[in-house]
Amino acid sequence: MKKLLFLVLLMPVLAFAQKPGKTKGGTKTSTFKGGLTSSTLLFQSQANEPVQMKFKSDFSLGYQFDFYAGRVMSFSFGLGLQNAGAVTHYFTQRVNYDLTYISANTGPSFHIPIGRSSDIQFGGTVYGQYLAAATQEGGNLYIDLLREGYLENYDVGFGLNAGLRLQAGFSSAIVLQAEYMQGLLDIEKHASQQLYNTLFNFHFGYQFIF
């Protein structure tokens, strides 16, 4: 957990260490964002076990660096602290699956200008995630899924996002974004079961323009 906190604290340093400048295509931006995450695990079993994974709510934090190839297109590179997991019930007992990932992503975004300085954004990403913590809790039950070796240490997938960017000044903007993320790897090590991450993020961000 100390390593995760260090990563989050390092994000502002990465942004402010960048010197203002222009790329050949246009401006650079640094965005700090955080918000609500709604996640679940897609569960499949060879025994057709009737396990229903429901959505759980948590938070996410992120830093994103963009450079613009033109007025209507940019490329982004991001780092984040992403919470995932799901809620299920065994008989009458509620059980929480809590997963924490350190994630990195990259991909293009497209911009539709509205007015002189704001735009609608939509795009896609590919991402990779390292599993930093994973627990299963419910009643008297507590299992460290990562330490016990139940789950894979990594995941990869794709994301789709759409949002609104509103200019807040000469060198800053406010970003509102909704994002869908789908894991492509089975993170369950047990051969008879499969688990896939599915997440919805709703972010608020503050952007610095260089």
Protein backbone atom coordinates (compact mmCIF):
# COMPACT_ATOMS: atom_id res chain seq x y z
CA MET A 1 0.00 0.00 0.00
CA LYS A 2 2.94 2.36 0.63
CA LYS A 3 4.04 1.83 -2.97
CA LEU A 4 0.55 2.73 -4.22
CA LEU A 5 0.52 5.91 -2.15
CA PHE A 6 3.98 6.83 -3.49
CA LEU A 7 2.73 6.40 -7.08
CA VAL A 8 -0.26 8.68 -6.49
CA LEU A 9 1.95 11.35 -4.89
CA LEU A 10 4.41 11.10 -7.77
CA MET A 11 1.79 12.00 -10.40
CA PRO A 12 1.78 15.77 -9.71
CA VAL A 13 5.59 15.79 -9.86
CA LEU A 14 5.52 14.20 -13.31
CA ALA A 15 3.16 16.87 -14.58
CA PHE A 16 4.89 19.94 -13.17
CA ALA A 17 8.29 18.65 -14.28
CA GLN A 18 7.18 18.96 -17.89
CA LYS A 19 8.37 22.12 -19.57
CA PRO A 20 5.72 24.10 -21.43
CA GLY A 21 6.12 23.63 -25.14
CA LYS A 22 4.63 22.65 -28.44
CA THR A 23 4.84 19.43 -30.36
CA LYS A 24 4.80 19.57 -34.13
CA GLY A 25 1.14 18.75 -34.09
CA GLY A 26 0.00 21.05 -31.30
CA THR A 27 -0.23 21.43 -27.56
CA LYS A 28 0.52 19.12 -24.65
CA THR A 29 -1.80 18.61 -21.69
CA SER A 30 -1.52 17.01 -18.26
CA THR A 31 -4.74 15.90 -16.56
CA PHE A 32 -5.26 14.76 -12.98
CA LYS A 33 -8.52 12.89 -12.56
CA GLY A 34 -10.49 10.95 -10.04
CA GLY A 35 -13.97 9.65 -9.67
CA LEU A 36 -16.41 6.82 -9.17
CA THR A 37 -15.86 3.27 -10.39
CA SER A 38 -18.59 0.69 -10.85
CA SER A 39 -17.14 -2.77 -11.42
CA THR A 40 -18.07 -6.42 -11.64
CA LEU A 41 -16.48 -9.75 -12.55
CA LEU A 42 -17.82 -11.82 -15.43
CA PHE A 43 -17.99 -15.32 -13.97
CA GLN A 44 -18.01 -18.57 -15.98
CA SER A 45 -17.82 -22.10 -14.62
CA GLN A 46 -17.58 -25.51 -16.26
CA ALA A 47 -19.96 -26.81 -13.59
CA ASN A 48 -22.50 -24.06 -14.40
CA GLU A 49 -22.49 -22.87 -10.80
CA PRO A 50 -25.29 -20.31 -10.19
CA VAL A 51 -22.99 -17.53 -8.95
CA GLN A 52 -24.20 -14.01 -9.73
CA MET A 53 -21.60 -11.27 -9.60
CA LYS A 54 -23.12 -7.84 -9.00
CA PHE A 55 -21.63 -4.38 -9.47
CA LYS A 56 -19.77 -2.71 -6.60
CA SER A 57 -18.83 0.96 -6.27
CA ASP A 58 -15.39 2.31 -5.45
CA PHE A 59 -13.01 5.06 -6.58
CA SER A 60 -10.17 5.51 -9.05
CA LEU A 61 -7.33 8.02 -9.46
CA GLY A 62 -5.33 8.81 -12.55
CA TYR A 63 -2.87 10.98 -14.41
CA GLN A 64 -3.01 11.42 -18.19
CA PHE A 65 -0.57 13.08 -20.59
CA ASP A 66 -1.84 14.03 -24.07
CA PHE A 67 -0.20 15.48 -27.11
CA TYR A 68 -2.28 16.83 -29.97
CA ALA A 69 -1.68 15.73 -33.55
CA GLY A 70 -4.14 18.43 -34.66
CA ARG A 71 -7.23 20.26 -33.50
CA VAL A 72 -9.39 17.15 -33.72
CA MET A 73 -7.05 14.32 -32.67
CA SER A 74 -4.72 13.58 -29.75
CA PHE A 75 -2.79 10.65 -28.30
CA SER A 76 -2.78 9.88 -24.58
CA PHE A 77 -0.61 8.00 -22.10
CA GLY A 78 -1.98 7.38 -18.63
CA LEU A 79 -1.18 5.92 -15.21
CA GLY A 80 -3.73 5.14 -12.57
CA LEU A 81 -4.84 3.47 -9.38
CA GLN A 82 -7.86 1.39 -10.38
CA ASN A 83 -10.17 -0.40 -7.96
CA ALA A 84 -12.17 -3.35 -9.27
CA GLY A 85 -14.05 -6.40 -8.04
CA ALA A 86 -17.65 -7.42 -7.44
CA VAL A 87 -20.30 -8.32 -4.87
CA THR A 88 -21.99 -11.71 -4.64
CA HIS A 89 -24.01 -13.74 -2.12
CA TYR A 90 -23.46 -17.23 -0.82
CA PHE A 91 -26.84 -18.22 0.61
CA THR A 92 -27.64 -15.09 2.69
CA GLN A 93 -24.06 -13.92 3.22
CA ARG A 94 -22.83 -10.92 1.24
CA VAL A 95 -19.27 -11.42 -0.05
CA ASN A 96 -17.06 -8.66 -1.46
CA TYR A 97 -14.28 -9.16 -3.96
CA ASP A 98 -11.96 -6.15 -3.68
CA LEU A 99 -9.18 -5.80 -6.26
CA THR A 100 -6.69 -2.94 -6.62
CA TYR A 101 -4.68 -2.48 -9.80
CA ILE A 102 -1.87 -0.19 -10.90
CA SER A 103 -2.75 0.50 -14.53
CA ALA A 104 -1.18 2.03 -17.63
CA ASN A 105 -2.98 2.84 -20.86
CA THR A 106 -2.52 4.48 -24.24
CA GLY A 107 -4.72 5.31 -27.21
CA PRO A 108 -6.13 8.00 -29.52
CA SER A 109 -8.89 10.52 -28.83
CA PHE A 110 -10.98 12.54 -31.26
CA HIS A 111 -12.36 16.01 -30.54
CA ILE A 112 -15.46 17.79 -31.82
CA PRO A 113 -15.08 21.53 -31.12
CA ILE A 114 -17.96 23.35 -29.44
CA GLY A 115 -17.23 27.03 -29.32
CA ARG A 116 -13.71 28.42 -29.49
CA SER A 117 -12.05 26.51 -26.68
CA SER A 118 -14.18 23.54 -25.57
CA ASP A 119 -14.88 20.20 -27.21
CA ILE A 120 -16.58 16.84 -26.99
CA GLN A 121 -14.10 13.98 -26.75
CA PHE A 122 -14.34 10.29 -27.54
CA GLY A 123 -11.71 7.63 -28.02
CA GLY A 124 -10.31 4.24 -27.20
CA THR A 125 -7.42 2.77 -25.24
CA VAL A 126 -5.54 -0.44 -24.65
CA TYR A 127 -4.39 -1.03 -21.11
CA GLY A 128 -2.32 -3.26 -18.90
CA GLN A 129 -2.82 -3.68 -15.14
CA TYR A 130 -0.75 -5.09 -12.30
CA LEU A 131 -2.71 -6.56 -9.39
CA ALA A 132 -1.41 -4.90 -6.20
CA ALA A 133 -4.02 -6.20 -3.73
CA ALA A 134 -6.97 -8.60 -3.78
CA THR A 135 -9.23 -9.79 -0.96
CA GLN A 136 -12.46 -11.73 -0.48
CA GLU A 137 -14.47 -10.71 2.58
CA GLY A 138 -17.84 -11.61 4.05
CA GLY A 139 -18.89 -12.17 7.64
CA ASN A 140 -16.11 -14.16 9.32
CA LEU A 141 -14.54 -14.93 5.95
CA TYR A 142 -11.32 -13.18 4.93
CA ILE A 143 -9.03 -14.44 2.17
CA ASP A 144 -6.03 -12.66 0.72
CA LEU A 145 -6.56 -13.80 -2.87
CA LEU A 146 -3.22 -12.45 -4.04
CA ARG A 147 -1.12 -14.05 -1.32
CA GLU A 148 -2.96 -17.38 -1.62
CA GLY A 149 -2.39 -17.39 -5.37
CA TYR A 150 -6.01 -17.54 -6.52
CA LEU A 151 -5.70 -14.74 -9.11
CA GLU A 152 -3.31 -13.75 -11.87
CA ASN A 153 -1.05 -10.80 -11.15
CA TYR A 154 -1.90 -8.93 -14.34
CA ASP A 155 -4.68 -8.12 -16.78
CA VAL A 156 -4.90 -6.51 -20.21
CA GLY A 157 -7.90 -5.14 -22.07
CA PHE A 158 -9.44 -2.27 -23.97
CA GLY A 159 -11.40 0.83 -23.06
CA LEU A 160 -13.89 3.18 -24.70
CA ASN A 161 -14.46 6.69 -23.41
CA ALA A 162 -16.45 9.84 -24.09
CA GLY A 163 -16.50 13.18 -22.34
CA LEU A 164 -16.56 16.93 -22.31
CA ARG A 165 -13.62 19.33 -22.02
CA LEU A 166 -14.38 22.87 -20.88
CA GLN A 167 -11.72 25.59 -21.03
CA ALA A 168 -11.29 27.10 -17.55
CA GLY A 169 -8.62 29.67 -18.43
CA PHE A 170 -5.70 30.34 -20.76
CA SER A 171 -3.76 27.31 -19.55
CA SER A 172 -6.30 25.02 -17.88
CA ALA A 173 -9.50 23.09 -18.51
CA ILE A 174 -12.06 20.94 -16.70
CA VAL A 175 -12.65 17.42 -18.04
CA LEU A 176 -15.72 15.23 -17.46
CA GLN A 177 -15.40 11.68 -18.75
CA ALA A 178 -17.24 8.36 -18.80
CA GLU A 179 -15.25 5.21 -19.57
CA TYR A 180 -15.97 1.52 -20.19
CA MET A 181 -13.14 -0.97 -19.60
CA GLN A 182 -13.20 -4.66 -20.45
CA GLY A 183 -10.53 -7.13 -19.37
CA LEU A 184 -9.55 -9.75 -21.96
CA LEU A 185 -7.63 -12.17 -19.74
CA ASP A 186 -9.05 -14.78 -17.40
CA ILE A 187 -7.69 -13.67 -14.02
CA GLU A 188 -8.86 -16.84 -12.21
CA LYS A 189 -6.09 -19.44 -11.87
CA HIS A 190 -8.51 -22.31 -11.15
CA ALA A 191 -8.94 -24.26 -14.39
CA SER A 192 -12.68 -24.89 -13.90
CA GLN A 193 -13.62 -21.21 -13.47
CA GLN A 194 -13.11 -17.99 -15.39
CA LEU A 195 -13.20 -14.37 -14.21
CA TYR A 196 -13.00 -11.25 -16.38
CA ASN A 197 -12.86 -7.63 -15.20
CA THR A 198 -15.59 -5.22 -16.33
CA LEU A 199 -15.54 -1.59 -15.19
CA PHE A 200 -17.32 1.71 -15.70
CA ASN A 201 -15.48 4.87 -14.64
CA PHE A 202 -16.97 8.35 -14.20
CA HIS A 203 -14.14 10.88 -13.91
CA PHE A 204 -13.73 14.53 -13.05
CA GLY A 205 -10.37 15.98 -14.05
CA TYR A 206 -8.41 19.20 -13.99
CA GLN A 207 -6.18 19.75 -17.02
CA PHE A 208 -3.04 21.86 -17.43
CA ILE A 209 -2.35 23.05 -20.98
CA PHE A 210 1.21 23.63 -22.22
